[in-house]
PDB file of N, CA and C in Angstrom:
ATOM      1  N   UNK A   1       0.355 -18.749  -4.250  1.00  0.00           N
ATOM      2  CA  UNK A   1       0.957 -18.092  -3.110  1.00  0.00           C
ATOM      3  C   UNK A   1       0.438 -16.658  -3.044  1.00  0.00           C
ATOM      4  N   UNK A   2       0.302 -16.139  -1.836  1.00  0.00           N
ATOM      5  CA  UNK A   2      -0.196 -14.774  -1.669  1.00  0.00           C
ATOM      6  C   UNK A   2       0.944 -13.842  -1.308  1.00  0.00           C
ATOM      7  N   UNK A   3       0.907 -12.674  -1.928  1.00  0.00           N
ATOM      8  CA  UNK A   3       1.905 -11.628  -1.697  1.00  0.00           C
ATOM      9  C   UNK A   3       1.187 -10.323  -1.402  1.00  0.00           C
ATOM     10  N   UNK A   4       1.766  -9.548  -0.482  1.00  0.00           N
ATOM     11  CA  UNK A   4       1.243  -8.215  -0.204  1.00  0.00           C
ATOM     12  C   UNK A   4       2.170  -7.194  -0.841  1.00  0.00           C
ATOM     13  N   UNK A   5       1.568  -6.268  -1.558  1.00  0.00           N
ATOM     14  CA  UNK A   5       2.302  -5.139  -2.133  1.00  0.00           C
ATOM     15  C   UNK A   5       1.958  -3.914  -1.290  1.00  0.00           C
ATOM     16  N   UNK A   6       2.937  -3.442  -0.513  1.00  0.00           N
ATOM     17  CA  UNK A   6       2.759  -2.288   0.355  1.00  0.00           C
ATOM     18  C   UNK A   6       3.189  -1.045  -0.400  1.00  0.00           C
ATOM     19  N   UNK A   7       2.344  -0.040  -0.406  1.00  0.00           N
ATOM     20  CA  UNK A   7       2.550   1.152  -1.227  1.00  0.00           C
ATOM     21  C   UNK A   7       3.022   2.304  -0.346  1.00  0.00           C
ATOM     22  N   UNK A   8       4.244   2.776  -0.601  1.00  0.00           N
ATOM     23  CA  UNK A   8       4.844   3.861   0.181  1.00  0.00           C
ATOM     24  C   UNK A   8       5.139   5.059  -0.722  1.00  0.00           C
ATOM     25  N   UNK A   9       4.923   6.258  -0.193  1.00  0.00           N
ATOM     26  CA  UNK A   9       5.305   7.482  -0.905  1.00  0.00           C
ATOM     27  C   UNK A   9       5.378   8.625   0.100  1.00  0.00           C
ATOM     28  N   UNK A  10       6.120   9.636  -0.261  1.00  0.00           N
ATOM     29  CA  UNK A  10       6.180  10.834   0.584  1.00  0.00           C
ATOM     30  C   UNK A  10       5.045  11.771   0.179  1.00  0.00           C
ATOM     31  N   UNK A  11       4.619  12.592   1.119  1.00  0.00           N
ATOM     32  CA  UNK A  11       3.577  13.576   0.814  1.00  0.00           C
ATOM     33  C   UNK A  11       4.016  14.518  -0.300  1.00  0.00           C
ATOM     34  N   UNK A  12       5.305  14.875  -0.285  1.00  0.00           N
ATOM     35  CA  UNK A  12       5.806  15.811  -1.290  1.00  0.00           C
ATOM     36  C   UNK A  12       5.740  15.228  -2.705  1.00  0.00           C
ATOM     37  N   UNK A  13       5.961  13.936  -2.821  1.00  0.00           N
ATOM     38  CA  UNK A  13       5.994  13.302  -4.145  1.00  0.00           C
ATOM     39  C   UNK A  13       4.605  12.909  -4.652  1.00  0.00           C
ATOM     40  N   UNK A  14       3.646  12.779  -3.750  1.00  0.00           N
ATOM     41  CA  UNK A  14       2.313  12.314  -4.135  1.00  0.00           C
ATOM     42  C   UNK A  14       1.506  13.446  -4.757  1.00  0.00           C
ATOM     43  N   UNK A  15       0.976  13.232  -5.971  1.00  0.00           N
ATOM     44  CA  UNK A  15       0.120  14.263  -6.573  1.00  0.00           C
ATOM     45  C   UNK A  15      -1.113  14.507  -5.703  1.00  0.00           C
ATOM     46  N   UNK A  16      -1.475  15.743  -5.528  1.00  0.00           N
ATOM     47  CA  UNK A  16      -2.648  16.101  -4.735  1.00  0.00           C
ATOM     48  C   UNK A  16      -3.914  15.785  -5.531  1.00  0.00           C
ATOM     49  N   UNK A  17      -4.913  15.259  -4.837  1.00  0.00           N
ATOM     50  CA  UNK A  17      -6.139  14.786  -5.485  1.00  0.00           C
ATOM     51  C   UNK A  17      -6.827  15.859  -6.322  1.00  0.00           C
ATOM     52  N   UNK A  18      -6.775  17.103  -5.873  1.00  0.00           N
ATOM     53  CA  UNK A  18      -7.505  18.174  -6.565  1.00  0.00           C
ATOM     54  C   UNK A  18      -6.704  18.812  -7.703  1.00  0.00           C
ATOM     55  N   UNK A  19      -5.654  18.146  -8.145  1.00  0.00           N
ATOM     56  CA  UNK A  19      -4.873  18.633  -9.285  1.00  0.00           C
ATOM     57  C   UNK A  19      -5.100  17.698 -10.476  1.00  0.00           C
ATOM     58  N   UNK A  20      -4.792  18.150 -11.695  1.00  0.00           N
ATOM     59  CA  UNK A  20      -4.912  17.249 -12.846  1.00  0.00           C
ATOM     60  C   UNK A  20      -4.065  15.981 -12.688  1.00  0.00           C
ATOM     61  N   UNK A  21      -2.872  16.111 -12.099  1.00  0.00           N
ATOM     62  CA  UNK A  21      -2.012  14.946 -11.888  1.00  0.00           C
ATOM     63  C   UNK A  21      -2.646  13.979 -10.893  1.00  0.00           C
ATOM     64  N   UNK A  22      -3.251  14.522  -9.849  1.00  0.00           N
ATOM     65  CA  UNK A  22      -3.915  13.697  -8.843  1.00  0.00           C
ATOM     66  C   UNK A  22      -5.125  12.975  -9.415  1.00  0.00           C
ATOM     67  N   UNK A  23      -5.881  13.673 -10.256  1.00  0.00           N
ATOM     68  CA  UNK A  23      -7.029  13.049 -10.907  1.00  0.00           C
ATOM     69  C   UNK A  23      -6.582  11.932 -11.845  1.00  0.00           C
ATOM     70  N   UNK A  24      -5.467  12.153 -12.553  1.00  0.00           N
ATOM     71  CA  UNK A  24      -4.940  11.121 -13.447  1.00  0.00           C
ATOM     72  C   UNK A  24      -4.473   9.912 -12.642  1.00  0.00           C
ATOM     73  N   UNK A  25      -3.816  10.162 -11.514  1.00  0.00           N
ATOM     74  CA  UNK A  25      -3.377   9.060 -10.670  1.00  0.00           C
ATOM     75  C   UNK A  25      -4.577   8.246 -10.175  1.00  0.00           C
ATOM     76  N   UNK A  26      -5.652   8.922  -9.778  1.00  0.00           N
ATOM     77  CA  UNK A  26      -6.867   8.238  -9.331  1.00  0.00           C
ATOM     78  C   UNK A  26      -7.413   7.348 -10.449  1.00  0.00           C
ATOM     79  N   UNK A  27      -7.469   7.895 -11.664  1.00  0.00           N
ATOM     80  CA  UNK A  27      -7.943   7.102 -12.813  1.00  0.00           C
ATOM     81  C   UNK A  27      -7.013   5.911 -13.068  1.00  0.00           C
ATOM     82  N   UNK A  28      -5.710   6.127 -12.933  1.00  0.00           N
ATOM     83  CA  UNK A  28      -4.742   5.045 -13.119  1.00  0.00           C
ATOM     84  C   UNK A  28      -4.958   3.943 -12.082  1.00  0.00           C
ATOM     85  N   UNK A  29      -5.249   4.331 -10.837  1.00  0.00           N
ATOM     86  CA  UNK A  29      -5.518   3.337  -9.799  1.00  0.00           C
ATOM     87  C   UNK A  29      -6.797   2.562 -10.099  1.00  0.00           C
ATOM     88  N   UNK A  30      -7.821   3.240 -10.566  1.00  0.00           N
ATOM     89  CA  UNK A  30      -9.065   2.543 -10.908  1.00  0.00           C
ATOM     90  C   UNK A  30      -8.812   1.524 -12.028  1.00  0.00           C
ATOM     91  N   UNK A  31      -8.012   1.925 -13.015  1.00  0.00           N
ATOM     92  CA  UNK A  31      -7.719   1.045 -14.151  1.00  0.00           C
ATOM     93  C   UNK A  31      -6.876  -0.155 -13.728  1.00  0.00           C
ATOM     94  N   UNK A  32      -5.853   0.073 -12.907  1.00  0.00           N
ATOM     95  CA  UNK A  32      -4.989  -1.042 -12.516  1.00  0.00           C
ATOM     96  C   UNK A  32      -5.737  -1.994 -11.578  1.00  0.00           C
ATOM     97  N   UNK A  33      -6.591  -1.463 -10.719  1.00  0.00           N
ATOM     98  CA  UNK A  33      -7.393  -2.315  -9.852  1.00  0.00           C
ATOM     99  C   UNK A  33      -8.321  -3.192 -10.684  1.00  0.00           C
ATOM    100  N   UNK A  34      -8.939  -2.611 -11.708  1.00  0.00           N
ATOM    101  CA  UNK A  34      -9.793  -3.394 -12.617  1.00  0.00           C
ATOM    102  C   UNK A  34      -8.981  -4.485 -13.306  1.00  0.00           C
ATOM    103  N   UNK A  35      -7.768  -4.161 -13.712  1.00  0.00           N
ATOM    104  CA  UNK A  35      -6.892  -5.149 -14.361  1.00  0.00           C
ATOM    105  C   UNK A  35      -6.590  -6.304 -13.418  1.00  0.00           C
ATOM    106  N   UNK A  36      -6.234  -5.979 -12.161  1.00  0.00           N
ATOM    107  CA  UNK A  36      -5.937  -7.024 -11.185  1.00  0.00           C
ATOM    108  C   UNK A  36      -7.153  -7.929 -10.973  1.00  0.00           C
ATOM    109  N   UNK A  37      -8.343  -7.328 -10.920  1.00  0.00           N
ATOM    110  CA  UNK A  37      -9.569  -8.098 -10.748  1.00  0.00           C
ATOM    111  C   UNK A  37      -9.849  -8.965 -11.983  1.00  0.00           C
ATOM    112  N   UNK A  38      -9.712  -8.386 -13.162  1.00  0.00           N
ATOM    113  CA  UNK A  38      -9.933  -9.133 -14.404  1.00  0.00           C
ATOM    114  C   UNK A  38      -8.973 -10.307 -14.535  1.00  0.00           C
ATOM    115  N   UNK A  39      -7.718 -10.112 -14.118  1.00  0.00           N
ATOM    116  CA  UNK A  39      -6.718 -11.172 -14.195  1.00  0.00           C
ATOM    117  C   UNK A  39      -6.906 -12.215 -13.087  1.00  0.00           C
ATOM    118  N   UNK A  40      -7.787 -11.932 -12.137  1.00  0.00           N
ATOM    119  CA  UNK A  40      -8.071 -12.886 -11.069  1.00  0.00           C
ATOM    120  C   UNK A  40      -6.979 -13.022 -10.026  1.00  0.00           C
ATOM    121  N   UNK A  41      -6.121 -12.000  -9.894  1.00  0.00           N
ATOM    122  CA  UNK A  41      -5.015 -12.082  -8.931  1.00  0.00           C
ATOM    123  C   UNK A  41      -5.254 -11.261  -7.671  1.00  0.00           C
ATOM    124  N   UNK A  42      -6.242 -10.390  -7.682  1.00  0.00           N
ATOM    125  CA  UNK A  42      -6.457  -9.501  -6.542  1.00  0.00           C
ATOM    126  C   UNK A  42      -7.295 -10.189  -5.472  1.00  0.00           C
ATOM    127  N   UNK A  43      -6.712 -10.327  -4.276  1.00  0.00           N
ATOM    128  CA  UNK A  43      -7.433 -10.851  -3.122  1.00  0.00           C
ATOM    129  C   UNK A  43      -8.127  -9.688  -2.421  1.00  0.00           C
ATOM    130  N   UNK A  44      -7.381  -8.605  -2.204  1.00  0.00           N
ATOM    131  CA  UNK A  44      -7.934  -7.395  -1.596  1.00  0.00           C
ATOM    132  C   UNK A  44      -6.970  -6.246  -1.816  1.00  0.00           C
ATOM    133  N   UNK A  45      -7.420  -5.066  -1.485  1.00  0.00           N
ATOM    134  CA  UNK A  45      -6.598  -3.879  -1.596  1.00  0.00           C
ATOM    135  C   UNK A  45      -7.370  -2.679  -1.101  1.00  0.00           C
ATOM    136  N   UNK A  46      -6.677  -1.776  -0.464  1.00  0.00           N
ATOM    137  CA  UNK A  46      -7.308  -0.562   0.047  1.00  0.00           C
ATOM    138  C   UNK A  46      -6.287   0.544   0.188  1.00  0.00           C
ATOM    139  N   UNK A  47      -6.791   1.766   0.133  1.00  0.00           N
ATOM    140  CA  UNK A  47      -5.986   2.943   0.452  1.00  0.00           C
ATOM    141  C   UNK A  47      -6.162   3.217   1.944  1.00  0.00           C
ATOM    142  N   UNK A  48      -5.171   3.839   2.536  1.00  0.00           N
ATOM    143  CA  UNK A  48      -5.233   4.206   3.952  1.00  0.00           C
ATOM    144  C   UNK A  48      -5.372   5.712   4.086  1.00  0.00           C
ATOM    145  N   UNK A  49      -6.032   6.130   5.146  1.00  0.00           N
ATOM    146  CA  UNK A  49      -6.063   7.554   5.473  1.00  0.00           C
ATOM    147  C   UNK A  49      -4.640   7.994   5.789  1.00  0.00           C
ATOM    148  N   UNK A  50      -4.408   9.287   5.804  1.00  0.00           N
ATOM    149  CA  UNK A  50      -3.076   9.825   6.076  1.00  0.00           C
ATOM    150  C   UNK A  50      -2.594   9.516   7.485  1.00  0.00           C
ATOM    151  N   UNK A  51      -1.285   9.654   7.686  1.00  0.00           N
ATOM    152  CA  UNK A  51      -0.690   9.342   8.994  1.00  0.00           C
ATOM    153  C   UNK A  51      -1.241  10.227  10.111  1.00  0.00           C
ATOM    154  N   UNK A  52      -1.796  11.366   9.769  1.00  0.00           N
ATOM    155  CA  UNK A  52      -2.374  12.222  10.802  1.00  0.00           C
ATOM    156  C   UNK A  52      -3.598  11.560  11.445  1.00  0.00           C
ATOM    157  N   UNK A  53      -4.139  10.523  10.827  1.00  0.00           N
ATOM    158  CA  UNK A  53      -5.277   9.785  11.373  1.00  0.00           C
ATOM    159  C   UNK A  53      -4.836   8.536  12.147  1.00  0.00           C
ATOM    160  N   UNK A  54      -3.550   8.237  12.158  1.00  0.00           N
ATOM    161  CA  UNK A  54      -3.046   7.013  12.793  1.00  0.00           C
ATOM    162  C   UNK A  54      -2.998   7.148  14.309  1.00  0.00           C
ATOM    163  N   UNK A  55      -3.200   6.024  14.975  1.00  0.00           N
ATOM    164  CA  UNK A  55      -2.988   5.905  16.405  1.00  0.00           C
ATOM    165  C   UNK A  55      -2.116   4.676  16.621  1.00  0.00           C
ATOM    166  N   UNK A  56      -1.084   4.822  17.411  1.00  0.00           N
ATOM    167  CA  UNK A  56      -0.156   3.730  17.694  1.00  0.00           C
ATOM    168  C   UNK A  56      -0.460   3.172  19.080  1.00  0.00           C
ATOM    169  N   UNK A  57      -0.480   1.842  19.195  1.00  0.00           N
ATOM    170  CA  UNK A  57      -0.753   1.164  20.461  1.00  0.00           C
ATOM    171  C   UNK A  57       0.471   0.339  20.843  1.00  0.00           C
ATOM    172  N   UNK A  58       0.869   0.457  22.106  1.00  0.00           N
ATOM    173  CA  UNK A  58       1.966  -0.348  22.657  1.00  0.00           C
ATOM    174  C   UNK A  58       1.588  -0.777  24.071  1.00  0.00           C
ATOM    175  N   UNK A  59       2.077  -1.926  24.457  1.00  0.00           N
ATOM    176  CA  UNK A  59       1.940  -2.349  25.852  1.00  0.00           C
ATOM    177  C   UNK A  59       3.340  -2.418  26.431  1.00  0.00           C
ATOM    178  N   UNK A  60       3.564  -1.645  27.487  1.00  0.00           N
ATOM    179  CA  UNK A  60       4.856  -1.594  28.174  1.00  0.00           C
ATOM    180  C   UNK A  60       4.602  -1.790  29.663  1.00  0.00           C
ATOM    181  N   UNK A  61       5.307  -2.754  30.249  1.00  0.00           N
ATOM    182  CA  UNK A  61       5.159  -3.044  31.680  1.00  0.00           C
ATOM    183  C   UNK A  61       3.696  -3.269  32.059  1.00  0.00           C
ATOM    184  N   UNK A  62       2.955  -3.955  31.174  1.00  0.00           N
ATOM    185  CA  UNK A  62       1.563  -4.274  31.451  1.00  0.00           C
ATOM    186  C   UNK A  62       0.590  -3.140  31.243  1.00  0.00           C
ATOM    187  N   UNK A  63       1.062  -1.970  30.833  1.00  0.00           N
ATOM    188  CA  UNK A  63       0.186  -0.814  30.627  1.00  0.00           C
ATOM    189  C   UNK A  63       0.047  -0.542  29.135  1.00  0.00           C
ATOM    190  N   UNK A  64      -1.181  -0.310  28.709  1.00  0.00           N
ATOM    191  CA  UNK A  64      -1.445   0.035  27.314  1.00  0.00           C
ATOM    192  C   UNK A  64      -1.204   1.519  27.113  1.00  0.00           C
ATOM    193  N   UNK A  65      -0.361   1.829  26.134  1.00  0.00           N
ATOM    194  CA  UNK A  65      -0.069   3.221  25.787  1.00  0.00           C
ATOM    195  C   UNK A  65      -0.571   3.468  24.375  1.00  0.00           C
ATOM    196  N   UNK A  66      -1.178   4.602  24.160  1.00  0.00           N
ATOM    197  CA  UNK A  66      -1.568   5.005  22.807  1.00  0.00           C
ATOM    198  C   UNK A  66      -0.990   6.383  22.527  1.00  0.00           C
ATOM    199  N   UNK A  67      -0.686   6.605  21.273  1.00  0.00           N
ATOM    200  CA  UNK A  67      -0.239   7.945  20.883  1.00  0.00           C
ATOM    201  C   UNK A  67      -0.703   8.220  19.461  1.00  0.00           C
ATOM    202  N   UNK A  68      -0.937   9.475  19.193  1.00  0.00           N
ATOM    203  CA  UNK A  68      -1.353   9.879  17.861  1.00  0.00           C
ATOM    204  C   UNK A  68      -0.187   9.761  16.905  1.00  0.00           C
ATOM    205  N   UNK A  69      -0.488   9.366  15.692  1.00  0.00           N
ATOM    206  CA  UNK A  69       0.527   9.321  14.653  1.00  0.00           C
ATOM    207  C   UNK A  69       1.136   7.947  14.480  1.00  0.00           C
ATOM    208  N   UNK A  70       1.994   7.839  13.492  1.00  0.00           N
ATOM    209  CA  UNK A  70       2.633   6.557  13.193  1.00  0.00           C
ATOM    210  C   UNK A  70       3.725   6.241  14.213  1.00  0.00           C
ATOM    211  N   UNK A  71       4.149   4.983  14.209  1.00  0.00           N
ATOM    212  CA  UNK A  71       5.190   4.531  15.145  1.00  0.00           C
ATOM    213  C   UNK A  71       6.523   5.198  14.856  1.00  0.00           C
ATOM    214  N   UNK A  72       6.863   5.341  13.588  1.00  0.00           N
ATOM    215  CA  UNK A  72       8.145   5.939  13.219  1.00  0.00           C
ATOM    216  C   UNK A  72       7.931   7.142  12.320  1.00  0.00           C
ATOM    217  N   UNK A  73       8.846   8.053  12.390  1.00  0.00           N
ATOM    218  CA  UNK A  73       8.843   9.205  11.499  1.00  0.00           C
ATOM    219  C   UNK A  73       9.686   8.844  10.286  1.00  0.00           C
ATOM    220  N   UNK A  74       9.075   8.803   9.136  1.00  0.00           N
ATOM    221  CA  UNK A  74       9.805   8.497   7.913  1.00  0.00           C
ATOM    222  C   UNK A  74       9.345   9.432   6.816  1.00  0.00           C
ATOM    223  N   UNK A  75      10.168   9.583   5.808  1.00  0.00           N
ATOM    224  CA  UNK A  75       9.796  10.428   4.678  1.00  0.00           C
ATOM    225  C   UNK A  75       8.681   9.766   3.867  1.00  0.00           C
ATOM    226  N   UNK A  76       8.843   8.467   3.590  1.00  0.00           N
ATOM    227  CA  UNK A  76       7.802   7.744   2.867  1.00  0.00           C
ATOM    228  C   UNK A  76       6.869   7.072   3.874  1.00  0.00           C
ATOM    229  N   UNK A  77       5.570   7.143   3.592  1.00  0.00           N
ATOM    230  CA  UNK A  77       4.577   6.601   4.499  1.00  0.00           C
ATOM    231  C   UNK A  77       3.723   5.565   3.779  1.00  0.00           C
ATOM    232  N   UNK A  78       3.252   4.581   4.546  1.00  0.00           N
ATOM    233  CA  UNK A  78       2.387   3.552   3.995  1.00  0.00           C
ATOM    234  C   UNK A  78       1.053   4.176   3.624  1.00  0.00           C
ATOM    235  N   UNK A  79       0.678   4.049   2.349  1.00  0.00           N
ATOM    236  CA  UNK A  79      -0.558   4.667   1.876  1.00  0.00           C
ATOM    237  C   UNK A  79      -1.624   3.677   1.474  1.00  0.00           C
ATOM    238  N   UNK A  80      -1.261   2.416   1.326  1.00  0.00           N
ATOM    239  CA  UNK A  80      -2.243   1.407   0.934  1.00  0.00           C
ATOM    240  C   UNK A  80      -1.561   0.103   0.608  1.00  0.00           C
ATOM    241  N   UNK A  81      -2.351  -0.835   0.110  1.00  0.00           N
ATOM    242  CA  UNK A  81      -1.805  -2.156  -0.184  1.00  0.00           C
ATOM    243  C   UNK A  81      -2.692  -2.896  -1.181  1.00  0.00           C
ATOM    244  N   UNK A  82      -2.129  -3.906  -1.781  1.00  0.00           N
ATOM    245  CA  UNK A  82      -2.859  -4.918  -2.537  1.00  0.00           C
ATOM    246  C   UNK A  82      -2.372  -6.264  -2.034  1.00  0.00           C
ATOM    247  N   UNK A  83      -3.238  -7.256  -2.036  1.00  0.00           N
ATOM    248  CA  UNK A  83      -2.826  -8.638  -1.810  1.00  0.00           C
ATOM    249  C   UNK A  83      -3.129  -9.394  -3.091  1.00  0.00           C
ATOM    250  N   UNK A  84      -2.088 -10.016  -3.628  1.00  0.00           N
ATOM    251  CA  UNK A  84      -2.197 -10.794  -4.863  1.00  0.00           C
ATOM    252  C   UNK A  84      -2.100 -12.284  -4.550  1.00  0.00           C
ATOM    253  N   UNK A  85      -2.850 -13.079  -5.281  1.00  0.00           N
ATOM    254  CA  UNK A  85      -2.736 -14.533  -5.226  1.00  0.00           C
ATOM    255  C   UNK A  85      -2.192 -14.964  -6.581  1.00  0.00           C
ATOM    256  N   UNK A  86      -0.887 -15.249  -6.615  1.00  0.00           N
ATOM    257  CA  UNK A  86      -0.191 -15.545  -7.872  1.00  0.00           C
ATOM    258  C   UNK A  86       0.704 -16.772  -7.682  1.00  0.00           C
ATOM    259  N   UNK A  87       1.286 -17.241  -8.766  1.00  0.00           N
ATOM    260  CA  UNK A  87       2.109 -18.447  -8.739  1.00  0.00           C
ATOM    261  C   UNK A  87       3.531 -18.226  -8.225  1.00  0.00           C
ATOM    262  N   UNK A  88       4.061 -16.998  -8.371  1.00  0.00           N
ATOM    263  CA  UNK A  88       5.474 -16.796  -8.050  1.00  0.00           C
ATOM    264  C   UNK A  88       5.759 -15.355  -7.651  1.00  0.00           C
ATOM    265  N   UNK A  89       6.928 -15.158  -7.051  1.00  0.00           N
ATOM    266  CA  UNK A  89       7.387 -13.807  -6.731  1.00  0.00           C
ATOM    267  C   UNK A  89       7.514 -12.979  -8.011  1.00  0.00           C
ATOM    268  N   UNK A  90       8.033 -13.574  -9.069  1.00  0.00           N
ATOM    269  CA  UNK A  90       8.172 -12.832 -10.331  1.00  0.00           C
ATOM    270  C   UNK A  90       6.836 -12.285 -10.810  1.00  0.00           C
ATOM    271  N   UNK A  91       5.783 -13.083 -10.683  1.00  0.00           N
ATOM    272  CA  UNK A  91       4.458 -12.622 -11.094  1.00  0.00           C
ATOM    273  C   UNK A  91       3.965 -11.510 -10.168  1.00  0.00           C
ATOM    274  N   UNK A  92       4.200 -11.654  -8.866  1.00  0.00           N
ATOM    275  CA  UNK A  92       3.817 -10.605  -7.914  1.00  0.00           C
ATOM    276  C   UNK A  92       4.543  -9.304  -8.221  1.00  0.00           C
ATOM    277  N   UNK A  93       5.819  -9.397  -8.565  1.00  0.00           N
ATOM    278  CA  UNK A  93       6.599  -8.199  -8.898  1.00  0.00           C
ATOM    279  C   UNK A  93       6.101  -7.547 -10.178  1.00  0.00           C
ATOM    280  N   UNK A  94       5.692  -8.365 -11.131  1.00  0.00           N
ATOM    281  CA  UNK A  94       5.151  -7.825 -12.387  1.00  0.00           C
ATOM    282  C   UNK A  94       3.888  -7.007 -12.112  1.00  0.00           C
ATOM    283  N   UNK A  95       3.009  -7.532 -11.265  1.00  0.00           N
ATOM    284  CA  UNK A  95       1.793  -6.776 -10.922  1.00  0.00           C
ATOM    285  C   UNK A  95       2.123  -5.559 -10.064  1.00  0.00           C
ATOM    286  N   UNK A  96       3.048  -5.685  -9.143  1.00  0.00           N
ATOM    287  CA  UNK A  96       3.427  -4.557  -8.289  1.00  0.00           C
ATOM    288  C   UNK A  96       3.964  -3.397  -9.125  1.00  0.00           C
ATOM    289  N   UNK A  97       4.687  -3.702 -10.190  1.00  0.00           N
ATOM    290  CA  UNK A  97       5.241  -2.652 -11.057  1.00  0.00           C
ATOM    291  C   UNK A  97       4.145  -1.876 -11.777  1.00  0.00           C
ATOM    292  N   UNK A  98       2.934  -2.426 -11.845  1.00  0.00           N
ATOM    293  CA  UNK A  98       1.806  -1.732 -12.487  1.00  0.00           C
ATOM    294  C   UNK A  98       1.155  -0.712 -11.566  1.00  0.00           C
ATOM    295  N   UNK A  99       1.451  -0.757 -10.277  1.00  0.00           N
ATOM    296  CA  UNK A  99       0.827   0.153  -9.312  1.00  0.00           C
ATOM    297  C   UNK A  99       1.326   1.573  -9.591  1.00  0.00           C
ATOM    298  N   UNK A 100       0.408   2.531  -9.797  1.00  0.00           N
ATOM    299  CA  UNK A 100       0.816   3.885 -10.183  1.00  0.00           C
ATOM    300  C   UNK A 100       1.856   4.536  -9.282  1.00  0.00           C
ATOM    301  N   UNK A 101       1.824   4.296  -7.994  1.00  0.00           N
ATOM    302  CA  UNK A 101       2.776   4.919  -7.074  1.00  0.00           C
ATOM    303  C   UNK A 101       4.204   4.468  -7.329  1.00  0.00           C
ATOM    304  N   UNK A 102       4.391   3.359  -8.041  1.00  0.00           N
ATOM    305  CA  UNK A 102       5.752   2.892  -8.324  1.00  0.00           C
ATOM    306  C   UNK A 102       6.543   3.918  -9.130  1.00  0.00           C
ATOM    307  N   UNK A 103       5.857   4.876  -9.767  1.00  0.00           N
ATOM    308  CA  UNK A 103       6.529   5.908 -10.567  1.00  0.00           C
ATOM    309  C   UNK A 103       7.177   6.997  -9.719  1.00  0.00           C
ATOM    310  N   UNK A 104       6.739   7.148  -8.456  1.00  0.00           N
ATOM    311  CA  UNK A 104       7.311   8.203  -7.611  1.00  0.00           C
ATOM    312  C   UNK A 104       7.511   7.773  -6.159  1.00  0.00           C
ATOM    313  N   UNK A 105       7.085   6.577  -5.828  1.00  0.00           N
ATOM    314  CA  UNK A 105       7.236   6.068  -4.469  1.00  0.00           C
ATOM    315  C   UNK A 105       7.914   4.713  -4.499  1.00  0.00           C
ATOM    316  N   UNK A 106       7.542   3.865  -3.548  1.00  0.00           N
ATOM    317  CA  UNK A 106       8.145   2.549  -3.415  1.00  0.00           C
ATOM    318  C   UNK A 106       7.056   1.518  -3.179  1.00  0.00           C
ATOM    319  N   UNK A 107       7.173   0.379  -3.837  1.00  0.00           N
ATOM    320  CA  UNK A 107       6.263  -0.739  -3.599  1.00  0.00           C
ATOM    321  C   UNK A 107       7.089  -1.867  -2.982  1.00  0.00           C
ATOM    322  N   UNK A 108       6.753  -2.249  -1.777  1.00  0.00           N
ATOM    323  CA  UNK A 108       7.429  -3.362  -1.106  1.00  0.00           C
ATOM    324  C   UNK A 108       6.558  -4.602  -1.268  1.00  0.00           C
ATOM    325  N   UNK A 109       7.137  -5.692  -1.758  1.00  0.00           N
ATOM    326  CA  UNK A 109       6.397  -6.929  -1.977  1.00  0.00           C
ATOM    327  C   UNK A 109       6.905  -7.987  -1.008  1.00  0.00           C
ATOM    328  N   UNK A 110       5.963  -8.590  -0.269  1.00  0.00           N
ATOM    329  CA  UNK A 110       6.321  -9.632   0.688  1.00  0.00           C
ATOM    330  C   UNK A 110       5.333 -10.777   0.598  1.00  0.00           C
ATOM    331  N   UNK A 111       5.845 -12.016   0.709  1.00  0.00           N
ATOM    332  CA  UNK A 111       4.907 -13.144   0.771  1.00  0.00           C
ATOM    333  C   UNK A 111       4.181 -13.149   2.106  1.00  0.00           C
ATOM    334  N   UNK A 112       2.924 -13.577   2.082  1.00  0.00           N
ATOM    335  CA  UNK A 112       2.189 -13.741   3.339  1.00  0.00           C
ATOM    336  C   UNK A 112       2.632 -15.052   3.965  1.00  0.00           C
ATOM    337  N   UNK A 113       2.846 -15.016   5.232  1.00  0.00           N
ATOM    338  CA  UNK A 113       3.305 -16.206   5.959  1.00  0.00           C
ATOM    339  C   UNK A 113       2.123 -17.148   6.145  1.00  0.00           C
ATOM    340  N   UNK A 114       2.355 -18.422   5.907  1.00  0.00           N
ATOM    341  CA  UNK A 114       1.322 -19.442   6.083  1.00  0.00           C
ATOM    342  C   UNK A 114       1.658 -20.249   7.323  1.00  0.00           C
ATOM    343  N   UNK A 115       0.715 -20.280   8.262  1.00  0.00           N
ATOM    344  CA  UNK A 115       0.893 -21.078   9.469  1.00  0.00           C
ATOM    345  C   UNK A 115       0.087 -22.363   9.310  1.00  0.00           C
ATOM    346  N   UNK A 116       0.768 -23.471   9.437  1.00  0.00           N
ATOM    347  CA  UNK A 116       0.082 -24.773   9.316  1.00  0.00           C
ATOM    348  C   UNK A 116      -0.429 -25.236  10.666  1.00  0.00           C
TER     349      UNK A 116
END
């Protein structure tokens, strides 16, 4: 079964890349990604650019509307994801707990819907 681990954190809680903490977090992500690949559970995963790069699209009354930024204003923002191919939710949760952001943010785990 495939599960997506959505990685959320606030800007305030996220270590900045140019700090020792940010560099350590980057190394931790490289290590955990290698682990997921070695264990054969990683289908895909990527980091996202910041919300300042987002564009939201909606269609209302037949008209396409776009606006800069995310759809909702929230303290925690989606920063990336992993997709795991594992046997159970428990296994997906075990891998999600290894994601470095789980120490200061939130990891949401959801099964991917299968359409027959």
